[in-house]
Amino acid sequence: MAKIVKVIEVMSESSKSWEDAAQNVASEASKTLRNIRSLYVKEFTATVEGNKITSYRVNAKVTFEMERSR
């Protein structure tokens, strides 16, 4: 039987780095989703205050395998 996957889009923010923001996506998504297979970061943005980056943001697609009832 073929596997069915679903893709959702989420955003995350970190004061440390884009990598940390991406890890936040994986960590938070895994609290409510099972069988996460991949994370595709499609956009990086940042907020700037006083000529310094104050937060890093990612817009990511999370792919997870759907569960079937038996």
C-alpha atoms as a PDB file:
ATOM      1  CA  MET A   1       0.000   0.000   0.000  1.00  0.00           C
ATOM      2  CA  ALA A   2       1.346   3.452  -0.937  1.00  0.00           C
ATOM      3  CA  LYS A   3       2.210   5.924   1.784  1.00  0.00           C
ATOM      4  CA  ILE A   4       0.323   9.192   1.936  1.00  0.00           C
ATOM      5  CA  VAL A   5       2.128  12.344   3.083  1.00  0.00           C
ATOM      6  CA  LYS A   6       0.803  15.763   3.995  1.00  0.00           C
ATOM      7  CA  VAL A   7       2.591  19.109   3.791  1.00  0.00           C
ATOM      8  CA  ILE A   8       1.877  22.043   6.077  1.00  0.00           C
ATOM      9  CA  GLU A   9       3.477  25.461   6.089  1.00  0.00           C
ATOM     10  CA  VAL A  10       4.658  27.043   9.336  1.00  0.00           C
ATOM     11  CA  MET A  11       6.720  30.018  10.451  1.00  0.00           C
ATOM     12  CA  SER A  12       9.193  30.293  13.316  1.00  0.00           C
ATOM     13  CA  GLU A  13      11.371  32.973  14.851  1.00  0.00           C
ATOM     14  CA  SER A  14      14.595  32.990  16.867  1.00  0.00           C
ATOM     15  CA  SER A  15      16.772  35.683  18.367  1.00  0.00           C
ATOM     16  CA  LYS A  16      19.868  33.502  17.722  1.00  0.00           C
ATOM     17  CA  SER A  17      19.982  32.344  14.079  1.00  0.00           C
ATOM     18  CA  TRP A  18      18.091  31.017  11.070  1.00  0.00           C
ATOM     19  CA  GLU A  19      19.308  27.540  11.982  1.00  0.00           C
ATOM     20  CA  ASP A  20      17.783  27.905  15.435  1.00  0.00           C
ATOM     21  CA  ALA A  21      14.511  29.110  13.911  1.00  0.00           C
ATOM     22  CA  ALA A  22      14.464  26.028  11.639  1.00  0.00           C
ATOM     23  CA  GLN A  23      15.172  23.745  14.604  1.00  0.00           C
ATOM     24  CA  ASN A  24      12.269  25.408  16.426  1.00  0.00           C
ATOM     25  CA  VAL A  25      10.000  24.404  13.519  1.00  0.00           C
ATOM     26  CA  ALA A  26      11.064  20.764  13.850  1.00  0.00           C
ATOM     27  CA  SER A  27      10.844  20.756  17.650  1.00  0.00           C
ATOM     28  CA  GLU A  28       7.453  22.435  17.883  1.00  0.00           C
ATOM     29  CA  ALA A  29       5.902  20.530  14.973  1.00  0.00           C
ATOM     30  CA  SER A  30       6.947  17.217  16.517  1.00  0.00           C
ATOM     31  CA  LYS A  31       4.850  18.022  19.590  1.00  0.00           C
ATOM     32  CA  THR A  32       1.635  17.601  17.585  1.00  0.00           C
ATOM     33  CA  LEU A  33       2.707  15.712  14.442  1.00  0.00           C
ATOM     34  CA  ARG A  34       4.070  12.190  14.135  1.00  0.00           C
ATOM     35  CA  ASN A  35       6.171  10.730  11.343  1.00  0.00           C
ATOM     36  CA  ILE A  36       7.807  13.989  10.206  1.00  0.00           C
ATOM     37  CA  ARG A  37       9.863  13.138   7.124  1.00  0.00           C
ATOM     38  CA  SER A  38      11.323  16.460   5.973  1.00  0.00           C
ATOM     39  CA  LEU A  39      11.524  20.180   6.465  1.00  0.00           C
ATOM     40  CA  TYR A  40      11.896  22.526   3.502  1.00  0.00           C
ATOM     41  CA  VAL A  41      12.840  26.090   4.396  1.00  0.00           C
ATOM     42  CA  LYS A  42      11.425  28.200   1.603  1.00  0.00           C
ATOM     43  CA  GLU A  43      12.084  31.695   2.954  1.00  0.00           C
ATOM     44  CA  PHE A  44      14.484  33.428   5.324  1.00  0.00           C
ATOM     45  CA  THR A  45      13.710  36.882   6.735  1.00  0.00           C
ATOM     46  CA  ALA A  46      15.020  39.015   9.582  1.00  0.00           C
ATOM     47  CA  THR A  47      13.925  42.030  11.573  1.00  0.00           C
ATOM     48  CA  VAL A  48      16.372  44.887  12.043  1.00  0.00           C
ATOM     49  CA  GLU A  49      16.538  47.523  14.751  1.00  0.00           C
ATOM     50  CA  GLY A  50      19.347  50.041  15.134  1.00  0.00           C
ATOM     51  CA  ASN A  51      21.295  48.544  12.201  1.00  0.00           C
ATOM     52  CA  LYS A  52      21.363  45.124  13.901  1.00  0.00           C
ATOM     53  CA  ILE A  53      19.398  41.954  13.261  1.00  0.00           C
ATOM     54  CA  THR A  54      17.117  41.370  16.232  1.00  0.00           C
ATOM     55  CA  SER A  55      15.301  38.249  15.084  1.00  0.00           C
ATOM     56  CA  TYR A  56      15.627  35.570  12.430  1.00  0.00           C
ATOM     57  CA  ARG A  57      12.543  34.085  10.795  1.00  0.00           C
ATOM     58  CA  VAL A  58      11.934  31.076   8.577  1.00  0.00           C
ATOM     59  CA  ASN A  59       8.906  30.052   6.580  1.00  0.00           C
ATOM     60  CA  ALA A  60       9.062  26.266   6.228  1.00  0.00           C
ATOM     61  CA  LYS A  61       7.110  23.368   4.789  1.00  0.00           C
ATOM     62  CA  VAL A  62       6.866  20.306   7.021  1.00  0.00           C
ATOM     63  CA  THR A  63       6.173  16.943   5.371  1.00  0.00           C
ATOM     64  CA  PHE A  64       4.814  14.103   7.465  1.00  0.00           C
ATOM     65  CA  GLU A  65       3.430  10.668   6.776  1.00  0.00           C
ATOM     66  CA  MET A  66      -0.296  10.240   7.337  1.00  0.00           C
ATOM     67  CA  GLU A  67      -1.425   7.450   9.630  1.00  0.00           C
ATOM     68  CA  ARG A  68      -4.155   5.096   8.540  1.00  0.00           C
ATOM     69  CA  SER A  69      -6.714   3.578  10.824  1.00  0.00           C
ATOM     70  CA  ARG A  70      -6.911  -0.190  10.676  1.00  0.00           C
END
